[in-house]
Every structure is written in C-alpha cells, then in structure tokens.
Amino acid sequence: MPSSSPAFQFTRSALADSTAELAIFGVLQHPTSDEILKDTWLDGLESLSPGATEILAQEKFDGSRDKVILLRNPKGTSGPARIIVTGLGRAARLRPAGLTTALKAAFDRAFGVRDVSTVALALPELELAADSVILAAVDATHDAGYASREAKKPGRSVAKVDLLVKGGIEEKPQALKESIAIATARAAARDLTNMPPNVKRTSTLSERAQGLAGLANVSVDVISDPEWIQKNMPCFYTVAMGSLVTDPPKFIRVHYKPANAKKRIILVGKSVIFDTGGYQVKTDDYMNTMKADMTGGSMVLAAIEAFAKLEIQGIELAAYLAATPNMIDAYAMLPDSIVDTTCGKKVEIRHTDAEGRLTLIDAVAKACEESPDLIITIATLTGSAARAVGEAIALMGNNDPLRDRLRDAAKLAGDPVQTLDIWDEDFEDIKSKLDGADIINTSQNKNRGAQSACAFVMSGLTREIPLLHLDIAGADMTKDEKATGIGIKAVLKFLIAESQLI
C-alpha cells in the first residue's frame, strides 16, 4: 500500500490558539548543563500545559536529542489536548540531519496517538537555514509515515500538519513546495528499491520511466534491442549476458528540457536489478538486500520527476539507466574476459561481482555524446565506501568546486556525506597488467576500493566533463533491510541551487 502524506501549511496563530488535536513542541538542551534551555520555549510550555515543568523534571527530561515525552492537557485548557515534547539537543551541535532525526522520533510518537487529524509543530529559534528547517519537518513527517507498496498495512499519517511560524519556522512557501517534492521523491525512490526481486524487472524501471512522459517538457527513450546494446554498449551488454532470456537489458533515458535551458546535467544511476555476483557468486550474507542494487536508478527517476513537477527553469536534466540483472547462466560473463567499452577502452573482467562499474562506464560514455555541463553518477557501488565513510554518502569527483557545492547541499538537506579525493594513483591502480586490456574492474589497492571504482567510472569520459560520483553502498538500506532513499535530498537540493545560479 502506498504511504499517505499530510497537507502542510504555515500558520501564524500561537500554539495556545491552535485547533490541532496534538502539538509537537521542540526544546533545546542547555549548552552547559543537563536541563532544558527554558528561554527557547516559544509561548511558554507551562502556561500551555499546567504542570508540564514538574512532569518533565520528574521524568528527568533534559532536552537531549531524540527524547520524546507525551503530555496530556486538563480538560478546559486552551490549545491542543496532547503535546509531545521532543528534545533537539544543544543548539551548537544541531545540524539538519539531527533535526530531521529528532522530528522523526516525535512524529513516530504522534502517529501512534489515536483520533488525531491535525498536528501543530512548534520549534524554538534555531541556528539553521530556514529551508533546512522546513525540509527537516516535511521529510521527518514523510519518513515517520512511510510504508512500502508491499506493506500489509498502510503507513500512518494525519490529514494536516500546521507549521507554526512564531519561533523557529520561517514562512517560505517556495521552500515548502520544494520540500514536499523532495520528500515525495524520496518515498518514490524507496518504493522502487523495496520491491521484492521476484516481481522487479528491467521493465519495472522502463515502465516507471515511460510514466513520466506525460509531464511537461519530458521525453522518454527506452532501447530494449539487445543487438543495439551489444554493438553500442558492449561492457553493459557483458553484464546482461547472464539474463538475456529471462530479463533482457534496457537502456533508459529520460529528458526534461525547459524552453530556457542554459545548462545540461545528466544523472546516471546504477540499475542492476538484482546482483548475484555472477560466477564469482556472493555468499548468503551479501546476497540478501541485492534487490537494492538498482537504488541509483530509482533515485535518478525520482529526481527527474520531482525536478519536472517543480518546473525548474534554466537546467536541462536527463536520467540515464543501464538496467540489467547480474545473473548466472551458460552465457554469463566469465572472469579473465577482455571486453570492449563505449569509450574505446578494453576492460579485463577480474571479478564478476564488480559489475556495476561495467554498466556505468558505458552509460557515462553515452552521456558524453550530449556534451553535458555535468554528469552525476549515483550507485551502490562498493563495500569499500561503507568502510571509508560508514552510513553516509561517499562523494567524489573530478571538479572540487562542484563537488564541494554538492557536499554543502547534502549537509543543508540533512543527507550525511563525506568527500573523498581521487588521486592519479587511483587511475594507476585500475590499469590492467594484460597486454590486451587497458583497465581492470577491480581494485589492486584494497584500501582505496571506493576511489578506484570511481576512477573506473570516470574512465568512461570521452571528453573533459565534470563528473561527481555518489557511492551510497554504506547507507542505502537500514539495519532492518529497508531502503533509506539517501542521496535524493542532496541531489535535488544541489540541482535547485544550481538552477538559481543561472
């Protein structure tokens, strides 16, 4: 069942005058002691909920992040009948990601309260950008209510969320519109990723892409002819050889082109429908969750849909997906093979489980044919990224100013990110020792696997084009094996900011 989403609106009324059945009241922790910072209490929690101070003291509620407590107001008092007080931690340490986490904890609790149709959100003044606060509120609400399309029960939600502008929420209608689009895109990407592998096919992605053709300024092109792919994208075709009969490959391109476009950006999403590892098969611990190896593809489709629905001007945006499973049959690729690529380099297949970069190198080369101003690749590419940055985006690129702008957008959006540098040594690391090949699809320096994989993807560039690479393998799934949608907020915030520079 798809998740339901509330309507959001700004309201100038005081919390005491709110008609909402429940309020979420954010409080900061004192900067030097384990108690609530009382001078940030907006209208005054005690006047709104008599006895609240005593209850919080008894429960040792100190305002530390993610702690929540539910208070019930006596009958006859003004304002919401129930109040969830949520700790935001110390102001100096609060970041958009932390605010989102704290508000999600509050909305998790709120959605468990019966007979609530409207929630009012009141926050203290925060040292965060207004757009970040609004996105955190909207995204936390969507996240708390998310349920996959296969869920036996619908996601929890309410009809309306009132954002109280007295205090720490600034009234910015455009930021709210963008935040709703971003949170909706994140849910859409998660839906595709969470689909079980017995029903997910390359056609699932192509049909999702074709469904975008009805949007203004959007065109869709799906190439499903294996002979065309073999001739024009031979490295991608090599990965697809193991599933030509059961789930043939598709090269999917979606273009959004507004009339006044002055810059062209192409998103390339890794779209391996399911990754067995090929003949060098994964062990069971690593085989689970491989339905998520197409997360990059789900993200770029969701991103371009949101971008088109927002009718962002100035940027022509495209999404490229080289979609195929990595399966095993009599025709599947073999280790030690030497194969061609779209860019002209010859690749030594050292390991059949390093397949994602084989699809991406050809997709990047095809993207170069459009002479874009920027290519962004998004992929669940390496376990090395998880070891390098943990549960965060490993962000790399060949253009430091652009990379840093994307890093900053990710931080403002609340997506955890760390940058990694690409060195000349990383390109040296992927040079094949065979006289019949140029590059190898594995890292010889095991300590820089994420960087050498990025260098391999960059090897698909046929001209000098900036390329940014997001390796999300460390954070694409939660510990309970559900898609996170990490990166979608970062990419969309970056694209919107880039459009404002034109």
Protein backbone atom coordinates (compact mmCIF):
# COMPACT_ATOMS: atom_id res chain seq x y z
CA MET A 1 0.00 0.00 0.00
CA PRO A 2 1.43 3.42 -0.85
CA SER A 3 2.15 5.80 2.00
CA SER A 4 -0.25 8.65 2.66
CA SER A 5 1.06 12.17 3.12
CA PRO A 6 -0.43 15.04 5.11
CA ALA A 7 -1.12 18.51 3.82
CA PHE A 8 1.28 21.14 5.15
CA GLN A 9 0.53 24.78 5.84
CA PHE A 10 2.10 27.70 7.67
CA THR A 11 0.08 29.24 10.45
CA ARG A 12 0.67 32.47 12.35
CA SER A 13 -1.53 31.56 15.31
CA ALA A 14 0.01 30.95 18.71
CA LEU A 15 0.15 27.38 19.90
CA ALA A 16 -2.36 28.17 22.63
CA ASP A 17 -4.84 29.14 19.91
CA SER A 18 -4.21 26.10 17.70
CA THR A 19 -7.14 23.87 16.80
CA ALA A 20 -4.83 20.87 16.29
CA GLU A 21 -5.54 17.85 18.45
CA LEU A 22 -1.83 17.34 19.11
CA ALA A 23 1.23 19.56 19.15
CA ILE A 24 4.89 18.71 18.76
CA PHE A 25 6.94 21.11 20.84
CA GLY A 26 10.70 21.18 20.22
CA VAL A 27 13.04 22.19 23.01
CA LEU A 28 16.78 22.73 23.15
CA GLN A 29 19.13 21.47 25.80
CA HIS A 30 21.04 23.92 27.96
CA PRO A 31 24.54 24.46 26.50
CA THR A 32 26.40 23.61 29.72
CA SER A 33 24.05 21.53 31.88
CA ASP A 34 21.71 18.57 31.57
CA GLU A 35 18.48 20.54 31.58
CA ILE A 36 16.14 22.22 29.11
CA LEU A 37 17.05 25.65 27.78
CA LYS A 38 13.96 27.37 29.09
CA ASP A 39 14.30 30.69 27.28
CA THR A 40 13.55 28.99 23.95
CA TRP A 41 10.08 27.78 24.95
CA LEU A 42 8.14 29.93 22.48
CA ASP A 43 4.76 30.75 24.09
CA GLY A 44 5.70 29.02 27.31
CA LEU A 45 5.01 25.32 27.78
CA GLU A 46 3.93 25.76 31.38
CA SER A 47 1.19 28.26 30.51
CA LEU A 48 0.02 25.98 27.72
CA SER A 49 0.17 22.78 29.76
CA PRO A 50 -0.09 23.44 33.50
CA GLY A 51 2.18 21.11 35.46
CA ALA A 52 4.39 20.37 32.46
CA THR A 53 7.57 21.62 34.17
CA GLU A 54 7.06 19.34 37.14
CA ILE A 55 6.32 16.33 34.92
CA LEU A 56 9.42 16.90 32.81
CA ALA A 57 11.54 17.23 35.97
CA GLN A 58 10.11 14.03 37.41
CA GLU A 59 10.82 12.18 34.17
CA LYS A 60 14.34 13.69 34.03
CA PHE A 61 13.62 15.05 30.57
CA ASP A 62 16.64 17.19 29.71
CA GLY A 63 16.04 18.13 26.07
CA SER A 64 18.70 15.81 24.71
CA ARG A 65 18.18 14.83 21.10
CA ASP A 66 15.59 12.23 20.13
CA LYS A 67 13.99 12.04 23.58
CA VAL A 68 10.23 12.47 23.46
CA ILE A 69 7.52 12.63 26.10
CA LEU A 70 3.73 12.84 25.73
CA LEU A 71 1.81 15.27 27.94
CA ARG A 72 -1.96 15.45 28.28
CA ASN A 73 -3.64 18.76 28.99
CA PRO A 74 -6.51 19.01 31.50
CA LYS A 75 -9.95 19.45 30.00
CA GLY A 76 -10.91 23.07 29.58
CA THR A 77 -7.39 24.33 28.85
CA SER A 78 -6.68 26.08 25.56
CA GLY A 79 -4.67 24.63 22.73
CA PRO A 80 -4.04 21.02 21.74
CA ALA A 81 -5.24 18.33 24.14
CA ARG A 82 -1.94 16.45 23.86
CA ILE A 83 1.61 17.71 23.49
CA ILE A 84 4.69 15.77 22.50
CA VAL A 85 7.80 17.47 23.81
CA THR A 86 10.83 16.47 21.73
CA GLY A 87 14.43 17.14 22.60
CA LEU A 88 16.63 18.75 19.94
CA GLY A 89 19.90 18.61 21.86
CA ARG A 90 22.30 21.52 22.20
CA ALA A 91 21.90 24.31 19.66
CA ALA A 92 25.62 24.46 18.85
CA ARG A 93 25.62 20.78 17.83
CA LEU A 94 22.33 20.70 15.97
CA ARG A 95 22.57 20.03 12.24
CA PRO A 96 19.80 19.48 9.67
CA ALA A 97 20.33 15.71 9.80
CA GLY A 98 19.99 15.74 13.58
CA LEU A 99 16.88 17.92 13.45
CA THR A 100 15.30 15.51 10.97
CA THR A 101 16.06 12.56 13.25
CA ALA A 102 14.65 14.34 16.29
CA LEU A 103 11.46 15.32 14.50
CA LYS A 104 11.02 11.83 13.08
CA ALA A 105 11.07 10.47 16.63
CA ALA A 106 8.35 12.96 17.53
CA PHE A 107 6.17 12.16 14.52
CA ASP A 108 6.64 8.44 15.16
CA ARG A 109 5.09 9.01 18.57
CA ALA A 110 2.42 11.36 17.23
CA PHE A 111 1.21 8.91 14.59
CA GLY A 112 0.65 6.35 17.33
CA VAL A 113 -1.86 8.59 19.14
CA ARG A 114 -5.49 7.89 18.32
CA ASP A 115 -8.02 10.40 16.99
CA VAL A 116 -5.52 12.93 15.70
CA SER A 117 -6.17 14.55 12.32
CA THR A 118 -4.02 17.68 12.69
CA VAL A 119 -0.58 18.11 14.25
CA ALA A 120 0.88 21.53 15.05
CA LEU A 121 4.68 21.81 15.01
CA ALA A 122 6.32 24.49 17.14
CA LEU A 123 10.09 24.96 17.21
CA PRO A 124 12.40 27.38 19.03
CA GLU A 125 14.67 29.71 17.11
CA LEU A 126 17.46 27.59 15.63
CA GLU A 127 20.85 28.39 14.14
CA LEU A 128 19.89 26.66 10.89
CA ALA A 129 18.86 27.87 7.46
CA ALA A 130 15.10 28.30 7.13
CA ASP A 131 14.96 25.98 4.11
CA SER A 132 16.75 23.26 6.11
CA VAL A 133 14.26 23.52 8.97
CA ILE A 134 11.29 23.25 6.62
CA LEU A 135 12.75 20.28 4.76
CA ALA A 136 13.57 18.55 8.04
CA ALA A 137 9.97 18.95 9.21
CA VAL A 138 8.45 17.70 5.96
CA ASP A 139 10.90 14.85 5.46
CA ALA A 140 10.58 13.66 9.06
CA THR A 141 6.80 13.56 8.66
CA HIS A 142 7.01 11.55 5.45
CA ASP A 143 9.63 9.24 6.93
CA ALA A 144 7.62 8.51 10.05
CA GLY A 145 4.61 7.61 7.94
CA TYR A 146 6.38 5.67 5.20
CA ALA A 147 5.29 2.16 4.28
CA SER A 148 6.39 0.27 1.20
CA ARG A 149 3.87 -0.53 -1.53
CA GLU A 150 4.03 -4.17 -0.45
CA ALA A 151 3.22 -3.38 3.18
CA LYS A 152 0.26 -5.27 4.59
CA LYS A 153 -0.85 -2.14 6.44
CA PRO A 154 -0.82 1.44 5.15
CA GLY A 155 1.65 3.92 6.52
CA ARG A 156 0.50 6.04 9.44
CA SER A 157 -0.20 9.70 8.93
CA VAL A 158 -2.52 12.60 9.71
CA ALA A 159 -4.57 14.85 7.46
CA LYS A 160 -2.66 18.07 8.14
CA VAL A 161 0.50 19.46 9.71
CA ASP A 162 0.49 23.11 10.78
CA LEU A 163 3.94 24.73 10.82
CA LEU A 164 3.84 27.49 13.43
CA VAL A 165 5.85 30.46 12.24
CA LYS A 166 6.07 32.01 15.70
CA GLY A 167 9.52 30.84 16.77
CA GLY A 168 11.91 28.81 14.65
CA ILE A 169 9.95 28.18 11.44
CA GLU A 170 10.07 30.87 8.78
CA GLU A 171 7.18 31.23 6.34
CA LYS A 172 8.70 30.35 2.95
CA PRO A 173 6.08 28.91 0.57
CA GLN A 174 8.57 28.03 -2.19
CA ALA A 175 10.80 26.17 0.26
CA LEU A 176 7.75 24.25 1.49
CA LYS A 177 6.76 23.35 -2.08
CA GLU A 178 10.28 22.13 -2.84
CA SER A 179 10.47 20.21 0.45
CA ILE A 180 7.24 18.35 -0.29
CA ALA A 181 8.52 17.45 -3.77
CA ILE A 182 11.84 16.24 -2.33
CA ALA A 183 10.22 14.13 0.39
CA THR A 184 7.78 12.67 -2.13
CA ALA A 185 10.68 11.81 -4.46
CA ARG A 186 12.49 10.08 -1.63
CA ALA A 187 9.43 7.93 -0.95
CA ALA A 188 9.08 7.11 -4.66
CA ALA A 189 12.72 6.01 -4.85
CA ARG A 190 12.29 3.86 -1.76
CA ASP A 191 9.19 2.24 -3.24
CA LEU A 192 11.09 1.02 -6.30
CA THR A 193 14.07 -0.13 -4.27
CA ASN A 194 11.93 -2.01 -1.74
CA MET A 195 10.12 -4.02 -4.42
CA PRO A 196 10.93 -7.72 -3.96
CA PRO A 197 13.16 -9.21 -6.66
CA ASN A 198 10.64 -11.82 -7.78
CA VAL A 199 8.45 -9.06 -9.25
CA LYS A 200 11.06 -6.43 -10.16
CA ARG A 201 12.41 -6.48 -13.70
CA THR A 202 14.16 -4.15 -16.13
CA SER A 203 10.67 -3.47 -17.46
CA THR A 204 9.72 -2.19 -13.99
CA LEU A 205 12.18 0.68 -14.46
CA SER A 206 11.27 1.27 -18.10
CA GLU A 207 7.55 1.41 -17.29
CA ARG A 208 8.26 3.80 -14.43
CA ALA A 209 10.25 5.98 -16.82
CA GLN A 210 7.57 5.87 -19.52
CA GLY A 211 5.06 7.01 -16.94
CA LEU A 212 6.93 10.32 -16.76
CA ALA A 213 6.36 11.09 -20.43
CA GLY A 214 3.10 12.85 -19.61
CA LEU A 215 4.90 15.58 -17.65
CA ALA A 216 5.56 18.90 -19.35
CA ASN A 217 8.88 19.10 -21.22
CA VAL A 218 9.67 15.42 -20.52
CA SER A 219 10.57 12.85 -23.18
CA VAL A 220 11.46 9.20 -22.68
CA ASP A 221 13.55 6.83 -24.80
CA VAL A 222 13.90 3.12 -23.97
CA ILE A 223 16.24 0.93 -26.02
CA SER A 224 15.46 -2.75 -25.47
CA ASP A 225 17.14 -4.24 -28.54
CA PRO A 226 19.98 -6.48 -27.27
CA GLU A 227 21.79 -6.24 -30.58
CA TRP A 228 21.90 -2.43 -30.36
CA ILE A 229 23.17 -2.66 -26.78
CA GLN A 230 25.80 -5.25 -27.75
CA LYS A 231 27.08 -3.00 -30.54
CA ASN A 232 26.87 0.37 -28.80
CA MET A 233 27.34 -0.50 -25.09
CA PRO A 234 29.39 -3.72 -25.10
CA CYS A 235 30.54 -3.54 -21.48
CA PHE A 236 26.98 -3.08 -20.26
CA TYR A 237 25.95 -5.95 -22.54
CA THR A 238 28.59 -8.18 -20.94
CA VAL A 239 26.84 -7.88 -17.58
CA ALA A 240 23.48 -8.55 -19.24
CA MET A 241 24.63 -11.78 -20.93
CA GLY A 242 23.51 -13.89 -17.98
CA SER A 243 19.88 -12.78 -18.26
CA LEU A 244 19.27 -12.19 -21.97
CA VAL A 245 16.42 -14.70 -21.98
CA THR A 246 14.90 -14.15 -18.55
CA ASP A 247 15.22 -10.36 -18.22
CA PRO A 248 16.87 -8.65 -21.21
CA PRO A 249 18.68 -5.34 -20.72
CA LYS A 250 17.22 -1.90 -21.31
CA PHE A 251 18.95 1.42 -21.79
CA ILE A 252 16.57 4.04 -20.43
CA ARG A 253 16.87 7.79 -20.99
CA VAL A 254 14.53 10.44 -19.63
CA HIS A 255 14.96 14.10 -20.63
CA TYR A 256 13.47 17.19 -19.04
CA LYS A 257 14.09 20.20 -21.25
CA PRO A 258 12.51 23.56 -20.36
CA ALA A 259 12.44 26.20 -23.07
CA ASN A 260 15.06 28.44 -21.44
CA ALA A 261 17.63 25.75 -20.53
CA LYS A 262 21.16 27.11 -20.38
CA LYS A 263 22.90 24.19 -18.68
CA ARG A 264 22.68 20.43 -19.24
CA ILE A 265 23.15 17.93 -16.41
CA ILE A 266 22.89 14.15 -16.74
CA LEU A 267 22.19 11.82 -13.81
CA VAL A 268 23.43 8.26 -14.29
CA GLY A 269 22.00 5.74 -11.84
CA LYS A 270 23.33 2.22 -11.33
CA SER A 271 20.41 -0.03 -12.25
CA VAL A 272 21.43 -3.61 -11.53
CA ILE A 273 18.02 -5.15 -10.85
CA PHE A 274 19.46 -7.96 -8.74
CA ASP A 275 23.12 -8.81 -8.21
CA THR A 276 24.03 -12.44 -7.61
CA GLY A 277 27.70 -11.66 -8.10
CA GLY A 278 27.77 -13.71 -11.29
CA TYR A 279 30.02 -16.77 -11.44
CA GLN A 280 32.03 -15.38 -8.54
CA VAL A 281 28.81 -15.64 -6.61
CA LYS A 282 28.08 -13.72 -3.43
CA THR A 283 27.82 -15.53 -0.11
CA ASP A 284 24.40 -15.54 1.53
CA ASP A 285 25.24 -12.67 3.88
CA TYR A 286 25.96 -10.43 0.90
CA MET A 287 23.26 -11.78 -1.39
CA ASN A 288 20.47 -10.50 0.84
CA THR A 289 19.30 -6.95 0.03
CA MET A 290 20.68 -7.18 -3.52
CA LYS A 291 17.23 -6.14 -4.70
CA ALA A 292 18.58 -2.70 -3.74
CA ASP A 293 21.41 -2.73 -6.27
CA MET A 294 19.24 -0.59 -8.56
CA THR A 295 18.88 2.16 -5.95
CA GLY A 296 20.80 4.59 -8.18
CA GLY A 297 18.27 4.03 -10.95
CA SER A 298 15.30 4.54 -8.66
CA MET A 299 16.86 7.75 -7.39
CA VAL A 300 17.52 9.35 -10.76
CA LEU A 301 13.97 8.58 -11.92
CA ALA A 302 12.53 10.08 -8.74
CA ALA A 303 14.82 13.11 -9.01
CA ILE A 304 13.91 13.97 -12.59
CA GLU A 305 10.21 13.55 -11.81
CA ALA A 306 10.43 15.98 -8.90
CA PHE A 307 12.52 18.40 -10.96
CA ALA A 308 9.96 18.37 -13.78
CA LYS A 309 6.96 18.74 -11.46
CA LEU A 310 8.62 21.75 -9.82
CA GLU A 311 9.11 23.14 -13.34
CA ILE A 312 12.66 24.19 -12.52
CA GLN A 313 14.00 26.53 -15.18
CA GLY A 314 17.45 27.01 -16.64
CA ILE A 315 18.63 23.40 -16.47
CA GLU A 316 18.03 20.58 -18.91
CA LEU A 317 18.13 17.44 -16.82
CA ALA A 318 18.44 13.85 -18.03
CA ALA A 319 18.39 10.48 -16.27
CA TYR A 320 20.29 7.51 -17.74
CA LEU A 321 19.76 3.93 -16.59
CA ALA A 322 21.59 0.90 -17.97
CA ALA A 323 19.23 -1.69 -16.49
CA THR A 324 20.04 -5.37 -16.15
CA PRO A 325 20.36 -8.07 -13.51
CA ASN A 326 23.72 -9.72 -12.86
CA MET A 327 22.74 -13.37 -13.12
CA ILE A 328 24.27 -16.75 -13.85
CA ASP A 329 23.58 -18.96 -16.85
CA ALA A 330 25.55 -20.60 -19.65
CA TYR A 331 26.20 -17.22 -21.31
CA ALA A 332 27.09 -15.18 -18.22
CA MET A 333 30.36 -13.24 -18.23
CA LEU A 334 33.50 -15.05 -17.15
CA PRO A 335 36.44 -13.82 -15.10
CA ASP A 336 39.57 -13.13 -17.18
CA SER A 337 37.43 -11.98 -20.12
CA ILE A 338 38.52 -8.90 -22.08
CA VAL A 339 35.62 -6.78 -23.33
CA ASP A 340 35.12 -3.55 -25.25
CA THR A 341 33.52 -0.39 -23.93
CA THR A 342 31.64 2.52 -25.46
CA CYS A 343 34.56 4.83 -24.69
CA GLY A 344 37.00 2.61 -26.60
CA LYS A 345 38.96 1.19 -23.67
CA LYS A 346 39.28 -2.55 -23.22
CA VAL A 347 38.37 -3.96 -19.83
CA GLU A 348 39.76 -7.01 -18.11
CA ILE A 349 36.99 -8.68 -16.11
CA ARG A 350 38.81 -9.71 -12.98
CA HIS A 351 35.72 -10.23 -10.85
CA THR A 352 32.14 -10.76 -11.97
CA ASP A 353 30.81 -9.15 -8.80
CA ALA A 354 32.33 -5.80 -9.77
CA GLU A 355 29.56 -5.41 -12.35
CA GLY A 356 28.05 -2.04 -11.51
CA ARG A 357 31.02 -0.09 -12.81
CA LEU A 358 30.82 -2.09 -16.06
CA THR A 359 27.33 -0.74 -16.70
CA LEU A 360 28.23 2.77 -15.57
CA ILE A 361 31.34 3.18 -17.73
CA ASP A 362 29.26 2.72 -20.89
CA ALA A 363 26.40 4.89 -19.63
CA VAL A 364 28.88 7.69 -18.83
CA ALA A 365 30.35 7.44 -22.33
CA LYS A 366 26.86 7.65 -23.84
CA ALA A 367 26.16 10.69 -21.65
CA CYS A 368 29.27 12.37 -23.04
CA GLU A 369 27.70 12.28 -26.50
CA GLU A 370 25.30 15.01 -25.34
CA SER A 371 28.18 17.26 -24.18
CA PRO A 372 26.65 17.94 -20.76
CA ASP A 373 27.98 20.55 -18.37
CA LEU A 374 27.99 17.97 -15.57
CA ILE A 375 27.47 14.23 -15.06
CA ILE A 376 26.42 12.86 -11.68
CA THR A 377 26.68 9.12 -11.07
CA ILE A 378 24.77 7.53 -8.19
CA ALA A 379 25.48 3.94 -7.26
CA THR A 380 25.52 1.28 -4.60
CA LEU A 381 28.99 0.54 -5.86
CA THR A 382 31.49 -0.66 -3.26
CA GLY A 383 31.74 -2.12 0.20
CA SER A 384 34.87 -0.01 0.47
CA ALA A 385 32.70 3.12 0.60
CA ALA A 386 30.93 1.77 3.65
CA ARG A 387 34.26 1.06 5.32
CA ALA A 388 35.55 4.52 4.42
CA VAL A 389 32.62 6.71 5.47
CA GLY A 390 30.19 4.44 7.31
CA GLU A 391 26.48 5.11 6.90
CA ALA A 392 26.97 8.15 4.70
CA ILE A 393 27.42 9.17 1.08
CA ALA A 394 30.98 8.82 -0.19
CA LEU A 395 31.20 11.81 -2.52
CA MET A 396 33.96 12.01 -5.11
CA GLY A 397 34.56 13.91 -8.31
CA ASN A 398 36.99 15.46 -10.76
CA ASN A 399 35.89 19.04 -10.04
CA ASP A 400 36.43 20.20 -6.46
CA PRO A 401 34.25 23.35 -6.54
CA LEU A 402 31.25 21.41 -7.87
CA ARG A 403 31.92 18.52 -5.51
CA ASP A 404 32.01 20.91 -2.57
CA ARG A 405 28.76 22.58 -3.66
CA LEU A 406 27.09 19.18 -3.71
CA ARG A 407 28.60 18.39 -0.31
CA ASP A 408 27.22 21.63 1.11
CA ALA A 409 23.78 20.95 -0.41
CA ALA A 410 23.79 17.50 1.18
CA LYS A 411 24.56 18.93 4.60
CA LEU A 412 21.84 21.57 4.30
CA ALA A 413 19.40 18.87 3.19
CA GLY A 414 20.28 16.56 6.07
CA ASP A 415 21.94 13.82 4.00
CA PRO A 416 25.12 12.56 5.72
CA VAL A 417 28.09 12.94 3.39
CA GLN A 418 31.87 12.79 3.37
CA THR A 419 34.16 13.68 0.48
CA LEU A 420 36.98 11.50 -0.79
CA ASP A 421 39.74 12.69 -3.12
CA ILE A 422 40.57 10.91 -6.37
CA TRP A 423 44.31 10.68 -6.99
CA ASP A 424 46.35 9.80 -10.05
CA GLU A 425 47.29 6.67 -8.14
CA ASP A 426 43.65 5.54 -8.28
CA PHE A 427 43.78 5.55 -12.07
CA GLU A 428 47.12 3.73 -11.94
CA ASP A 429 45.50 1.18 -9.64
CA ILE A 430 42.99 0.09 -12.29
CA LYS A 431 45.48 -0.37 -15.12
CA SER A 432 45.39 -3.93 -16.42
CA LYS A 433 48.60 -5.96 -16.46
CA LEU A 434 47.42 -7.83 -19.54
CA ASP A 435 48.72 -6.64 -22.91
CA GLY A 436 45.24 -6.97 -24.40
CA ALA A 437 43.41 -4.73 -21.90
CA ASP A 438 43.60 -1.15 -20.67
CA ILE A 439 41.82 -1.23 -17.34
CA ILE A 440 40.67 -3.79 -14.81
CA ASN A 441 37.34 -3.87 -13.00
CA THR A 442 38.74 -4.45 -9.53
CA SER A 443 40.99 -2.51 -7.21
CA GLN A 444 44.52 -3.73 -6.66
CA ASN A 445 44.88 -1.41 -3.66
CA LYS A 446 42.22 -2.79 -1.34
CA ASN A 447 42.48 0.25 0.93
CA ARG A 448 41.13 2.62 -1.77
CA GLY A 449 38.43 0.49 -3.36
CA ALA A 450 35.81 3.24 -3.44
CA GLN A 451 38.22 5.69 -5.09
CA SER A 452 39.49 3.22 -7.68
CA ALA A 453 35.91 2.26 -8.56
CA CYS A 454 35.17 5.95 -9.10
CA ALA A 455 38.30 6.20 -11.27
CA PHE A 456 36.97 3.29 -13.34
CA VAL A 457 33.62 5.06 -13.85
CA MET A 458 35.45 8.28 -14.76
CA SER A 459 37.39 6.32 -17.36
CA GLY A 460 34.20 6.34 -19.42
CA LEU A 461 34.56 10.08 -20.04
CA THR A 462 35.39 10.73 -23.68
CA ARG A 463 35.90 14.46 -23.18
CA GLU A 464 36.70 16.83 -20.34
CA ILE A 465 33.41 16.97 -18.46
CA PRO A 466 32.94 17.46 -14.70
CA LEU A 467 31.76 14.25 -13.06
CA LEU A 468 30.52 13.85 -9.49
CA HIS A 469 30.13 10.36 -8.06
CA LEU A 470 27.98 9.33 -5.09
CA ASP A 471 28.75 5.88 -3.69
CA ILE A 472 25.83 5.16 -1.37
CA ALA A 473 26.59 1.49 -0.64
CA GLY A 474 27.10 2.18 3.06
CA ALA A 475 23.71 3.71 3.69
CA ASP A 476 21.20 2.61 1.05
CA MET A 477 19.48 0.17 3.43
CA THR A 478 18.59 0.33 7.12
CA LYS A 479 19.66 -2.38 9.53
CA ASP A 480 16.20 -3.91 9.15
CA GLU A 481 16.72 -4.06 5.37
CA LYS A 482 14.52 -1.21 4.17
CA ALA A 483 15.54 1.39 1.63
CA THR A 484 16.64 4.75 3.03
CA GLY A 485 16.50 6.91 -0.09
CA ILE A 486 19.79 8.51 0.95
CA GLY A 487 21.13 10.99 -1.57
CA ILE A 488 17.87 12.13 -3.15
CA LYS A 489 17.64 15.17 -0.88
CA ALA A 490 21.26 16.08 -1.57
CA VAL A 491 20.97 15.79 -5.33
CA LEU A 492 17.71 17.72 -5.62
CA LYS A 493 18.87 20.49 -3.29
CA PHE A 494 22.05 20.78 -5.34
CA LEU A 495 20.18 20.89 -8.65
CA ILE A 496 17.75 23.52 -7.38
CA ALA A 497 20.65 25.63 -6.09
CA GLU A 498 22.47 25.29 -9.42
CA SER A 499 19.38 26.49 -11.27
CA GLN A 500 19.37 29.61 -9.10
CA LEU A 501 22.93 30.44 -10.22
CA ILE A 502 21.92 30.72 -13.88
